[in-house]
Amino acid sequence: MNKTVFSIFFAVIVFLFTVVPAVGAPDSQNIAYIQRGVGRILGSTLAIPTAMVQDSRCIMFPFGIVTGALRGTVRMIGSIVGGVVDVARGGAPYAKYAALAL
C-alpha cells in the first residue's frame, strides 16, 4: 500500500514539472504581473515598521515614531492598491474562463 501511494505521488510530481510549465509558457507576462502584485501586497506589511525605524533615527523620539507611522501607512496603502491593480491586470485575461467554471 505504501509503495503504491509513493508511486502515485511521484507520477503526479513528474506530471506537474513536465506539463504545467508548457501550458503556461505563453502567459508569462500575465503571471509576472500576478507575482509582482502578490509580492507588493505581502511586502506592504513591512512598510510601517521600516518607516518608523528610518524616521526614529533622524527625528526626535516621539515625533520620529509618529511621522514614521504616518509615512508607512501611506506607503502601505499605496503598495496594497498597486498590488491589487497588478493582480487584476494579470488575471483579467483569465476572467473569460470564470463563466465556464460556473
C-alpha atoms as a PDB file:
ATOM      1  CA  MET A   1       0.000   0.000   0.000  1.00  0.00           C
ATOM      2  CA  ASN A   2       2.775   2.411   0.928  1.00  0.00           C
ATOM      3  CA  LYS A   3       4.637   1.711  -2.318  1.00  0.00           C
ATOM      4  CA  THR A   4       1.505   2.448  -4.350  1.00  0.00           C
ATOM      5  CA  VAL A   5       0.974   5.800  -2.637  1.00  0.00           C
ATOM      6  CA  PHE A   6       4.603   6.726  -3.268  1.00  0.00           C
ATOM      7  CA  SER A   7       4.410   5.792  -6.947  1.00  0.00           C
ATOM      8  CA  ILE A   8       1.216   7.839  -7.433  1.00  0.00           C
ATOM      9  CA  PHE A   9       2.775  10.820  -5.661  1.00  0.00           C
ATOM     10  CA  PHE A  10       5.918  10.525  -7.802  1.00  0.00           C
ATOM     11  CA  ALA A  11       3.841  10.334 -11.002  1.00  0.00           C
ATOM     12  CA  VAL A  12       1.914  13.492 -10.050  1.00  0.00           C
ATOM     13  CA  ILE A  13       5.130  15.387  -9.309  1.00  0.00           C
ATOM     14  CA  VAL A  14       6.657  14.345 -12.637  1.00  0.00           C
ATOM     15  CA  PHE A  15       3.455  15.375 -14.410  1.00  0.00           C
ATOM     16  CA  LEU A  16       3.444  18.804 -12.783  1.00  0.00           C
ATOM     17  CA  PHE A  17       7.066  19.517 -13.655  1.00  0.00           C
ATOM     18  CA  THR A  18       6.729  18.421 -17.275  1.00  0.00           C
ATOM     19  CA  VAL A  19       3.277  19.571 -18.360  1.00  0.00           C
ATOM     20  CA  VAL A  20       2.294  22.644 -16.356  1.00  0.00           C
ATOM     21  CA  PRO A  21       5.170  24.956 -17.397  1.00  0.00           C
ATOM     22  CA  ALA A  22       4.490  24.190 -21.068  1.00  0.00           C
ATOM     23  CA  VAL A  23       0.821  25.099 -20.653  1.00  0.00           C
ATOM     24  CA  GLY A  24       1.530  28.491 -19.057  1.00  0.00           C
ATOM     25  CA  ALA A  25       4.506  29.463 -21.201  1.00  0.00           C
ATOM     26  CA  PRO A  26       2.717  31.966 -23.493  1.00  0.00           C
ATOM     27  CA  ASP A  27       1.131  33.697 -20.498  1.00  0.00           C
ATOM     28  CA  SER A  28       4.376  34.571 -18.761  1.00  0.00           C
ATOM     29  CA  GLN A  29       3.632  38.305 -18.859  1.00  0.00           C
ATOM     30  CA  ASN A  30       0.318  37.828 -17.034  1.00  0.00           C
ATOM     31  CA  ILE A  31       1.880  35.515 -14.482  1.00  0.00           C
ATOM     32  CA  ALA A  32       4.625  38.073 -13.888  1.00  0.00           C
ATOM     33  CA  TYR A  33       2.014  40.748 -13.149  1.00  0.00           C
ATOM     34  CA  ILE A  34       0.263  38.451 -10.696  1.00  0.00           C
ATOM     35  CA  GLN A  35       3.505  37.550  -8.940  1.00  0.00           C
ATOM     36  CA  ARG A  36       4.584  41.182  -8.714  1.00  0.00           C
ATOM     37  CA  GLY A  37       1.181  42.161  -7.315  1.00  0.00           C
ATOM     38  CA  VAL A  38       1.246  39.449  -4.679  1.00  0.00           C
ATOM     39  CA  GLY A  39       4.784  40.474  -3.747  1.00  0.00           C
ATOM     40  CA  ARG A  40       3.744  44.094  -3.371  1.00  0.00           C
ATOM     41  CA  ILE A  41       0.738  43.148  -1.239  1.00  0.00           C
ATOM     42  CA  LEU A  42       2.773  40.883   1.040  1.00  0.00           C
ATOM     43  CA  GLY A  43       5.661  43.345   1.177  1.00  0.00           C
ATOM     44  CA  SER A  44       3.376  46.158   2.249  1.00  0.00           C
ATOM     45  CA  THR A  45       3.207  44.661   5.732  1.00  0.00           C
ATOM     46  CA  LEU A  46       6.749  45.880   6.373  1.00  0.00           C
ATOM     47  CA  ALA A  47       6.170  49.469   5.256  1.00  0.00           C
ATOM     48  CA  ILE A  48       5.102  50.830   8.646  1.00  0.00           C
ATOM     49  CA  PRO A  49       7.890  49.310  10.776  1.00  0.00           C
ATOM     50  CA  THR A  50      10.514  50.260   8.196  1.00  0.00           C
ATOM     51  CA  ALA A  51       9.370  53.876   8.051  1.00  0.00           C
ATOM     52  CA  MET A  52       9.193  54.072  11.849  1.00  0.00           C
ATOM     53  CA  VAL A  53      12.761  52.842  12.218  1.00  0.00           C
ATOM     54  CA  GLN A  54      14.019  55.190   9.497  1.00  0.00           C
ATOM     55  CA  ASP A  55      12.293  58.246  10.957  1.00  0.00           C
ATOM     56  CA  SER A  56      13.265  57.452  14.545  1.00  0.00           C
ATOM     57  CA  ARG A  57      16.922  57.720  13.517  1.00  0.00           C
ATOM     58  CA  CYS A  58      16.554  61.242  12.094  1.00  0.00           C
ATOM     59  CA  ILE A  59      13.797  62.910  14.131  1.00  0.00           C
ATOM     60  CA  MET A  60      13.382  63.315  17.904  1.00  0.00           C
ATOM     61  CA  PHE A  61      11.891  60.435  19.875  1.00  0.00           C
ATOM     62  CA  PRO A  62       8.119  60.832  19.885  1.00  0.00           C
ATOM     63  CA  PHE A  63       7.874  62.679  16.574  1.00  0.00           C
ATOM     64  CA  GLY A  64      10.004  60.226  14.620  1.00  0.00           C
ATOM     65  CA  ILE A  65       7.776  57.310  15.507  1.00  0.00           C
ATOM     66  CA  VAL A  66       4.574  59.209  14.730  1.00  0.00           C
ATOM     67  CA  THR A  67       5.785  60.555  11.382  1.00  0.00           C
ATOM     68  CA  GLY A  68       7.173  57.125  10.530  1.00  0.00           C
ATOM     69  CA  ALA A  69       3.821  55.531  11.274  1.00  0.00           C
ATOM     70  CA  LEU A  70       2.037  58.058   9.071  1.00  0.00           C
ATOM     71  CA  ARG A  71       4.544  57.775   6.236  1.00  0.00           C
ATOM     72  CA  GLY A  72       4.489  53.975   6.486  1.00  0.00           C
ATOM     73  CA  THR A  73       0.703  53.920   6.385  1.00  0.00           C
ATOM     74  CA  VAL A  74       0.673  55.960   3.198  1.00  0.00           C
ATOM     75  CA  ARG A  75       3.283  53.670   1.647  1.00  0.00           C
ATOM     76  CA  MET A  76       1.377  50.587   2.753  1.00  0.00           C
ATOM     77  CA  ILE A  77      -1.905  51.764   1.271  1.00  0.00           C
ATOM     78  CA  GLY A  78      -0.197  52.727  -1.980  1.00  0.00           C
ATOM     79  CA  SER A  79       1.545  49.376  -2.179  1.00  0.00           C
ATOM     80  CA  ILE A  80      -1.658  47.452  -1.499  1.00  0.00           C
ATOM     81  CA  VAL A  81      -3.585  49.398  -4.141  1.00  0.00           C
ATOM     82  CA  GLY A  82      -0.772  48.949  -6.661  1.00  0.00           C
ATOM     83  CA  GLY A  83      -0.560  45.246  -5.873  1.00  0.00           C
ATOM     84  CA  VAL A  84      -4.302  44.755  -6.321  1.00  0.00           C
ATOM     85  CA  VAL A  85      -4.128  46.560  -9.666  1.00  0.00           C
ATOM     86  CA  ASP A  86      -1.233  44.339 -10.772  1.00  0.00           C
ATOM     87  CA  VAL A  87      -3.089  41.173  -9.767  1.00  0.00           C
ATOM     88  CA  ALA A  88      -6.231  42.370 -11.564  1.00  0.00           C
ATOM     89  CA  ARG A  89      -4.208  43.274 -14.663  1.00  0.00           C
ATOM     90  CA  GLY A  90      -2.553  39.868 -14.719  1.00  0.00           C
ATOM     91  CA  GLY A  91      -5.773  37.979 -14.010  1.00  0.00           C
ATOM     92  CA  ALA A  92      -8.009  39.864 -16.457  1.00  0.00           C
ATOM     93  CA  PRO A  93      -7.288  37.586 -19.444  1.00  0.00           C
ATOM     94  CA  TYR A  94      -8.446  34.612 -17.381  1.00  0.00           C
ATOM     95  CA  ALA A  95     -11.809  36.161 -16.482  1.00  0.00           C
ATOM     96  CA  LYS A  96     -13.372  34.636 -19.586  1.00  0.00           C
ATOM     97  CA  TYR A  97     -12.910  31.210 -18.017  1.00  0.00           C
ATOM     98  CA  ALA A  98     -14.945  32.153 -14.932  1.00  0.00           C
ATOM     99  CA  ALA A  99     -18.185  31.675 -16.867  1.00  0.00           C
ATOM    100  CA  LEU A 100     -17.119  28.145 -17.774  1.00  0.00           C
ATOM    101  CA  ALA A 101     -16.439  27.320 -14.125  1.00  0.00           C
ATOM    102  CA  LEU A 102     -19.964  28.290 -13.119  1.00  0.00           C
END
